[in-house]
Amino acid sequence: MRLRMPRHALAAALLTITTATALAGCGTASARPATAPELTNLTVMAVPAEGAAGLYIAQDDGLFQKAGLHVTIKPTENPTADIPALLHGSVDVLSGQYTTYIAATAAGVAKMRILAAGYALGPQVQEIMSPPHSRLATPAQLRGKTIAVNAVDSVTTDLLYTALAPYRIAPGQVHVVAIPFPVMPAALAAGRVDAIYEVEPYVSEAAERYGDYDLADIDTGASANFPINGYGALASWATRYPRTARAFTTAIEQGNRIAATDPAALQRTLEKQLHLSANVVDVMATGAFPIDLDPVQIQRDADLMLRYGQLSSPFNVKQITGP
């Protein structure tokens, strides 16, 4: 068991405009200057976790407002289930795993476009954890065990299987069940599962509240610095509203830059948006918040999906990232 060490670490005046007929979609459109976003109001669905820090900072620091946008953030536990909301126009953008966008496009369910990078792994930000007094001492003992993940057939399961592969444990030799990240520690304490695949800040909460300990850090070997999530929209939406897409992307990139370079700002945002105690935020590990969208990195997601059967043929991520 490793000890976790502490890691201390919008309103721009708008021109008066003439209201026009609202365009389709949940965002509102009006007659605006040619350089202004086509839409004013956007709805973004996001998993409430550290991976959405750039989004939260852009909201808290007024970066969206400076870009001419009013953004409503709605929580979700599984962005894969929110693809229909994009198709129906009740949501504009998802903050979710790259695997969600790849799978939807590959299956022909929805042609997606990644607008901005979101989050990548760092040391101890995602871990396989066991309860105190467990007989599990190494990942090799997980064969035949039940492990909680946030979503089955997702990047979480892919990375779980990658972490177990060195111990010669095949995917079919463990049982995975879907449980939301925030309630995984309680499920583990109740004995519903043998281990959990947990992410920060819930890794630190599990250690502090329940005494859970980590069996394996996911950010190692082939999974080091693995790209986890980004901000996606329908490709048709991005084409129809290019200035809105650019404005959103710019604000997210600014938010990610702050998350990556200003630990105090990141702490404030996580405390406020995720309702965390200062004690948890002070000790939790943080990952990486990329400024640029790198197709080479995101291709790692598609390749892993192919390896574990979520794709039936190779997928070039430039289909969803652009050239």
Protein backbone atom coordinates (compact mmCIF):
# COMPACT_ATOMS: atom_id res chain seq x y z
CA MET A 1 0.00 0.00 0.00
CA ARG A 2 1.43 3.32 -1.08
CA LEU A 3 1.07 6.43 1.02
CA ARG A 4 -0.48 9.35 -0.81
CA MET A 5 1.44 12.58 -0.32
CA PRO A 6 -0.27 16.00 -0.29
CA ARG A 7 -0.06 17.93 -3.57
CA HIS A 8 -0.37 21.60 -2.75
CA ALA A 9 0.02 22.82 -5.01
CA LEU A 10 -16.85 36.80 -19.03
CA ALA A 11 -18.79 39.75 -18.78
CA ALA A 12 -17.91 41.40 -22.13
CA ALA A 13 -20.53 43.85 -23.27
CA LEU A 14 -22.49 42.44 -26.22
CA LEU A 15 -23.72 44.52 -29.13
CA THR A 16 -27.47 45.07 -29.23
CA ILE A 17 -28.83 42.64 -31.73
CA THR A 18 -32.06 42.03 -33.59
CA THR A 19 -33.67 38.74 -32.65
CA ALA A 20 -34.05 36.30 -35.52
CA THR A 21 -35.85 33.01 -35.83
CA ALA A 22 -34.25 30.43 -33.55
CA LEU A 23 -32.32 27.74 -35.32
CA ALA A 24 -32.78 24.05 -34.60
CA GLY A 25 -30.93 22.69 -31.59
CA CYS A 26 -30.86 23.60 -27.94
CA GLY A 27 -28.62 26.64 -28.50
CA THR A 28 -30.29 29.91 -29.42
CA ALA A 29 -29.40 31.76 -32.60
CA SER A 30 -30.06 35.38 -33.59
CA ALA A 31 -28.89 38.02 -36.05
CA ARG A 32 -25.37 38.69 -34.81
CA PRO A 33 -22.18 40.28 -36.08
CA ALA A 34 -20.37 38.10 -38.58
CA THR A 35 -17.55 37.38 -36.12
CA ALA A 36 -19.82 36.45 -33.19
CA PRO A 37 -20.87 32.88 -32.36
CA GLU A 38 -23.99 31.80 -34.21
CA LEU A 39 -25.43 30.43 -30.96
CA THR A 40 -25.57 32.17 -27.61
CA ASN A 41 -26.76 29.44 -25.26
CA LEU A 42 -25.13 26.01 -25.10
CA THR A 43 -25.85 22.94 -22.99
CA VAL A 44 -22.89 20.72 -22.11
CA MET A 45 -23.17 17.32 -20.44
CA ALA A 46 -20.20 16.34 -18.29
CA VAL A 47 -19.20 13.57 -15.90
CA PRO A 48 -18.54 15.35 -12.57
CA ALA A 49 -14.88 14.49 -12.15
CA GLU A 50 -11.43 16.03 -12.46
CA GLY A 51 -11.45 15.36 -16.21
CA ALA A 52 -13.91 18.22 -16.71
CA ALA A 53 -11.77 20.76 -14.84
CA GLY A 54 -11.09 22.84 -17.95
CA LEU A 55 -14.83 23.13 -18.52
CA TYR A 56 -15.51 24.15 -14.93
CA ILE A 57 -12.72 26.72 -14.94
CA ALA A 58 -13.99 28.20 -18.20
CA GLN A 59 -17.36 28.57 -16.50
CA ASP A 60 -16.10 29.92 -13.17
CA ASP A 61 -13.59 32.35 -14.68
CA GLY A 62 -16.01 33.82 -17.20
CA LEU A 63 -14.12 32.48 -20.23
CA PHE A 64 -17.30 31.35 -21.96
CA GLN A 65 -18.93 34.72 -21.38
CA LYS A 66 -15.91 36.48 -22.87
CA ALA A 67 -16.33 34.27 -25.92
CA GLY A 68 -19.96 35.33 -26.25
CA LEU A 69 -21.41 32.11 -24.88
CA HIS A 70 -23.72 31.22 -22.03
CA VAL A 71 -23.01 27.60 -21.08
CA THR A 72 -25.21 25.41 -18.91
CA ILE A 73 -23.38 22.37 -17.51
CA LYS A 74 -25.47 19.31 -16.72
CA PRO A 75 -24.04 16.29 -14.89
CA THR A 76 -24.10 12.81 -16.38
CA GLU A 77 -22.64 9.47 -15.37
CA ASN A 78 -22.36 7.89 -18.81
CA PRO A 79 -21.95 10.18 -21.84
CA THR A 80 -22.45 7.19 -24.14
CA ALA A 81 -26.11 7.26 -23.14
CA ASP A 82 -26.26 10.97 -24.01
CA ILE A 83 -25.59 10.54 -27.73
CA PRO A 84 -29.38 10.49 -28.38
CA ALA A 85 -29.63 13.86 -26.62
CA LEU A 86 -27.13 15.26 -29.13
CA LEU A 87 -29.14 13.80 -31.99
CA HIS A 88 -32.38 15.23 -30.61
CA GLY A 89 -30.83 18.67 -30.10
CA SER A 90 -31.34 18.93 -26.33
CA VAL A 91 -27.56 18.89 -25.76
CA ASP A 92 -24.89 20.69 -27.80
CA VAL A 93 -21.61 19.28 -26.48
CA LEU A 94 -20.49 16.30 -24.42
CA SER A 95 -17.52 16.15 -22.09
CA GLY A 96 -16.81 12.46 -22.34
CA GLN A 97 -14.44 9.66 -23.17
CA TYR A 98 -12.91 9.60 -26.63
CA THR A 99 -14.11 6.02 -26.94
CA THR A 100 -17.70 7.31 -26.90
CA TYR A 101 -17.13 9.43 -29.99
CA ILE A 102 -15.15 6.72 -31.76
CA ALA A 103 -17.77 4.04 -31.10
CA ALA A 104 -20.70 6.22 -32.17
CA THR A 105 -18.99 7.22 -35.44
CA ALA A 106 -17.73 3.73 -36.23
CA ALA A 107 -21.19 2.24 -35.68
CA GLY A 108 -22.89 4.90 -37.79
CA VAL A 109 -25.00 6.02 -34.83
CA ALA A 110 -23.73 9.59 -35.01
CA LYS A 111 -20.88 11.25 -36.86
CA MET A 112 -18.92 13.05 -34.18
CA ARG A 113 -16.37 15.85 -34.11
CA ILE A 114 -13.97 16.37 -31.21
CA LEU A 115 -13.81 20.09 -30.51
CA ALA A 116 -11.10 20.14 -27.85
CA ALA A 117 -8.91 17.91 -25.74
CA GLY A 118 -9.96 17.40 -22.14
CA TYR A 119 -7.85 15.19 -19.93
CA ALA A 120 -5.10 12.59 -19.91
CA LEU A 121 -3.76 10.22 -17.27
CA GLY A 122 -1.14 11.12 -14.70
CA PRO A 123 0.31 9.13 -11.77
CA GLN A 124 -2.31 7.84 -9.30
CA VAL A 125 -5.29 9.60 -10.88
CA GLN A 126 -6.94 6.29 -11.80
CA GLU A 127 -6.41 3.19 -9.70
CA ILE A 128 -7.67 -0.30 -9.00
CA MET A 129 -8.55 -0.25 -5.29
CA SER A 130 -9.41 -2.80 -2.62
CA PRO A 131 -11.02 -2.41 0.81
CA PRO A 132 -9.04 -2.44 4.05
CA HIS A 133 -8.37 -5.91 5.49
CA SER A 134 -8.88 -7.44 2.03
CA ARG A 135 -6.96 -10.57 1.17
CA LEU A 136 -6.13 -9.01 -2.19
CA ALA A 137 -2.52 -7.89 -2.12
CA THR A 138 -1.60 -7.78 -5.81
CA PRO A 139 -3.47 -7.47 -9.13
CA ALA A 140 -2.57 -11.10 -9.83
CA GLN A 141 -5.20 -12.09 -7.25
CA LEU A 142 -8.03 -10.40 -9.17
CA ARG A 143 -8.63 -13.43 -11.40
CA GLY A 144 -12.26 -14.45 -10.97
CA LYS A 145 -13.10 -11.34 -8.94
CA THR A 146 -15.85 -8.75 -9.47
CA ILE A 147 -14.58 -5.26 -10.29
CA ALA A 148 -16.63 -2.08 -10.52
CA VAL A 149 -16.19 0.18 -13.55
CA ASN A 150 -18.20 3.25 -14.47
CA ALA A 151 -19.27 1.79 -17.82
CA VAL A 152 -18.86 -1.60 -19.45
CA ASP A 153 -17.13 -1.68 -22.86
CA SER A 154 -15.52 1.69 -22.28
CA VAL A 155 -12.04 3.13 -21.95
CA THR A 156 -12.26 2.15 -18.29
CA THR A 157 -12.60 -1.55 -19.08
CA ASP A 158 -9.94 -1.27 -21.80
CA LEU A 159 -7.45 0.21 -19.35
CA LEU A 160 -8.45 -2.30 -16.68
CA TYR A 161 -7.73 -5.19 -19.03
CA THR A 162 -4.44 -3.58 -20.05
CA ALA A 163 -3.42 -3.33 -16.38
CA LEU A 164 -4.30 -7.00 -15.79
CA ALA A 165 -2.60 -8.32 -18.93
CA PRO A 166 0.93 -8.47 -17.37
CA TYR A 167 -0.54 -10.84 -14.76
CA ARG A 168 -1.93 -13.09 -17.51
CA ILE A 169 -5.50 -12.28 -16.59
CA ALA A 170 -7.71 -12.20 -19.68
CA PRO A 171 -10.86 -10.01 -19.90
CA GLY A 172 -13.09 -13.07 -19.54
CA GLN A 173 -11.40 -14.00 -16.26
CA VAL A 174 -12.84 -11.07 -14.29
CA HIS A 175 -16.40 -9.88 -13.84
CA VAL A 176 -17.07 -6.16 -14.43
CA VAL A 177 -20.17 -4.36 -13.20
CA ALA A 178 -21.20 -0.78 -13.92
CA ILE A 179 -21.32 1.49 -10.87
CA PRO A 180 -20.97 5.31 -10.96
CA PHE A 181 -17.60 6.58 -9.71
CA PRO A 182 -18.99 8.57 -6.74
CA VAL A 183 -20.71 5.54 -5.16
CA MET A 184 -18.06 2.89 -5.91
CA PRO A 185 -16.41 3.16 -2.45
CA ALA A 186 -19.74 2.54 -0.73
CA ALA A 187 -20.38 -0.48 -2.96
CA LEU A 188 -16.93 -1.79 -2.09
CA ALA A 189 -17.53 -1.27 1.63
CA ALA A 190 -20.86 -3.13 1.34
CA GLY A 191 -19.15 -6.10 -0.27
CA ARG A 192 -21.01 -5.79 -3.57
CA VAL A 193 -17.69 -5.94 -5.44
CA ASP A 194 -14.18 -7.16 -4.68
CA ALA A 195 -12.36 -4.18 -6.16
CA ILE A 196 -13.10 -0.89 -7.89
CA TYR A 197 -11.61 0.97 -10.82
CA GLU A 198 -11.74 4.46 -9.34
CA VAL A 199 -10.74 7.93 -10.51
CA GLU A 200 -9.82 11.11 -8.70
CA PRO A 201 -11.17 12.79 -6.64
CA TYR A 202 -12.94 9.63 -5.52
CA VAL A 203 -9.65 7.75 -5.16
CA SER A 204 -8.65 10.15 -2.40
CA GLU A 205 -12.14 10.12 -0.87
CA ALA A 206 -12.12 6.32 -0.79
CA ALA A 207 -8.73 6.30 0.93
CA GLU A 208 -9.71 8.99 3.43
CA ARG A 209 -13.22 7.81 4.30
CA TYR A 210 -13.00 4.04 3.96
CA GLY A 211 -9.28 3.28 4.16
CA ASP A 212 -9.31 1.71 0.68
CA TYR A 213 -5.90 1.15 -0.85
CA ASP A 214 -4.59 0.87 -4.38
CA LEU A 215 -3.64 -2.42 -5.98
CA ALA A 216 -2.47 -0.87 -9.25
CA ASP A 217 -1.88 2.54 -10.74
CA ILE A 218 -3.32 2.67 -14.27
CA ASP A 219 -0.81 5.29 -15.45
CA THR A 220 1.99 2.83 -16.15
CA GLY A 221 3.51 1.00 -19.09
CA ALA A 222 1.39 1.05 -22.24
CA SER A 223 -1.22 3.22 -20.49
CA ALA A 224 1.10 6.01 -19.36
CA ASN A 225 -0.23 9.48 -20.19
CA PHE A 226 -3.23 7.84 -21.87
CA PRO A 227 -5.76 10.33 -23.34
CA ILE A 228 -9.07 9.86 -21.55
CA ASN A 229 -11.64 12.43 -22.52
CA GLY A 230 -12.42 15.47 -24.61
CA TYR A 231 -15.30 17.63 -25.79
CA GLY A 232 -17.39 16.28 -28.65
CA ALA A 233 -20.31 17.46 -30.75
CA LEU A 234 -22.10 16.22 -33.83
CA ALA A 235 -20.02 16.88 -36.94
CA SER A 236 -23.12 18.46 -38.52
CA TRP A 237 -23.45 20.83 -35.55
CA ALA A 238 -19.79 21.87 -35.81
CA THR A 239 -20.23 22.50 -39.54
CA ARG A 240 -23.43 24.46 -39.09
CA TYR A 241 -22.09 26.61 -36.25
CA PRO A 242 -18.35 26.99 -36.93
CA ARG A 243 -17.92 30.24 -34.99
CA THR A 244 -19.73 28.77 -31.99
CA ALA A 245 -17.50 25.70 -32.14
CA ARG A 246 -14.36 27.89 -32.32
CA ALA A 247 -15.53 30.07 -29.42
CA PHE A 248 -16.22 27.01 -27.27
CA THR A 249 -12.87 25.44 -28.18
CA THR A 250 -10.98 28.64 -27.36
CA ALA A 251 -12.59 28.90 -23.92
CA ILE A 252 -11.86 25.23 -23.14
CA GLU A 253 -8.22 25.59 -24.22
CA GLN A 254 -7.90 28.60 -21.93
CA GLY A 255 -9.51 26.65 -19.09
CA ASN A 256 -7.16 23.71 -19.65
CA ARG A 257 -4.15 26.02 -19.62
CA ILE A 258 -5.21 27.37 -16.23
CA ALA A 259 -5.87 23.84 -14.89
CA ALA A 260 -2.40 22.76 -16.06
CA THR A 261 -0.47 25.74 -14.72
CA ASP A 262 -2.36 27.13 -11.71
CA PRO A 263 -2.78 24.52 -8.94
CA ALA A 264 -4.62 26.98 -6.68
CA ALA A 265 -7.21 27.73 -9.37
CA LEU A 266 -7.64 24.03 -10.03
CA GLN A 267 -8.15 23.37 -6.32
CA ARG A 268 -10.77 26.13 -6.02
CA THR A 269 -12.70 24.83 -9.00
CA LEU A 270 -12.69 21.21 -7.84
CA GLU A 271 -13.81 22.19 -4.35
CA LYS A 272 -16.67 24.28 -5.73
CA GLN A 273 -17.86 22.22 -8.68
CA LEU A 274 -17.39 18.73 -7.21
CA HIS A 275 -18.31 19.74 -3.64
CA LEU A 276 -15.07 18.36 -2.25
CA SER A 277 -13.46 19.08 1.07
CA ALA A 278 -10.20 21.00 1.12
CA ASN A 279 -8.57 17.93 2.70
CA VAL A 280 -9.40 15.75 -0.28
CA VAL A 281 -8.41 18.35 -2.87
CA ASP A 282 -5.12 18.90 -1.05
CA VAL A 283 -4.03 15.28 -1.40
CA MET A 284 -5.64 14.18 -4.66
CA ALA A 285 -3.50 13.47 -7.69
CA THR A 286 -4.02 15.44 -10.86
CA GLY A 287 -3.66 14.38 -14.45
CA ALA A 288 -2.78 16.35 -17.56
CA PHE A 289 -4.93 18.95 -19.30
CA PRO A 290 -3.76 19.16 -22.93
CA ILE A 291 -4.04 22.47 -24.73
CA ASP A 292 -3.90 21.01 -28.24
CA LEU A 293 -5.89 18.20 -29.79
CA ASP A 294 -3.39 15.52 -30.85
CA PRO A 295 -4.78 12.84 -33.21
CA VAL A 296 -1.70 10.67 -32.65
CA GLN A 297 -2.51 10.42 -28.96
CA ILE A 298 -6.24 9.85 -29.48
CA GLN A 299 -5.46 7.08 -31.96
CA ARG A 300 -4.30 5.11 -28.90
CA ASP A 301 -7.95 4.95 -27.79
CA ALA A 302 -9.12 3.54 -31.11
CA ASP A 303 -6.30 0.99 -31.19
CA LEU A 304 -7.16 -0.22 -27.69
CA MET A 305 -10.84 -0.50 -28.63
CA LEU A 306 -9.86 -2.69 -31.57
CA ARG A 307 -7.71 -4.85 -29.32
CA TYR A 308 -10.59 -5.53 -26.91
CA GLY A 309 -13.32 -6.02 -29.49
CA GLN A 310 -15.21 -2.74 -29.27
CA LEU A 311 -14.28 -2.11 -32.90
CA SER A 312 -14.44 -4.74 -35.63
CA SER A 313 -11.93 -2.98 -37.88
CA PRO A 314 -9.25 -0.28 -37.55
CA PHE A 315 -10.52 3.27 -37.08
CA ASN A 316 -8.63 6.42 -38.11
CA VAL A 317 -9.42 9.10 -35.53
CA LYS A 318 -8.83 11.86 -38.08
CA GLN A 319 -12.41 11.12 -39.08
CA ILE A 320 -13.47 12.86 -35.88
CA THR A 321 -10.56 15.18 -35.12
CA GLY A 322 -10.25 16.68 -38.60
CA PRO A 323 -7.01 16.98 -40.60
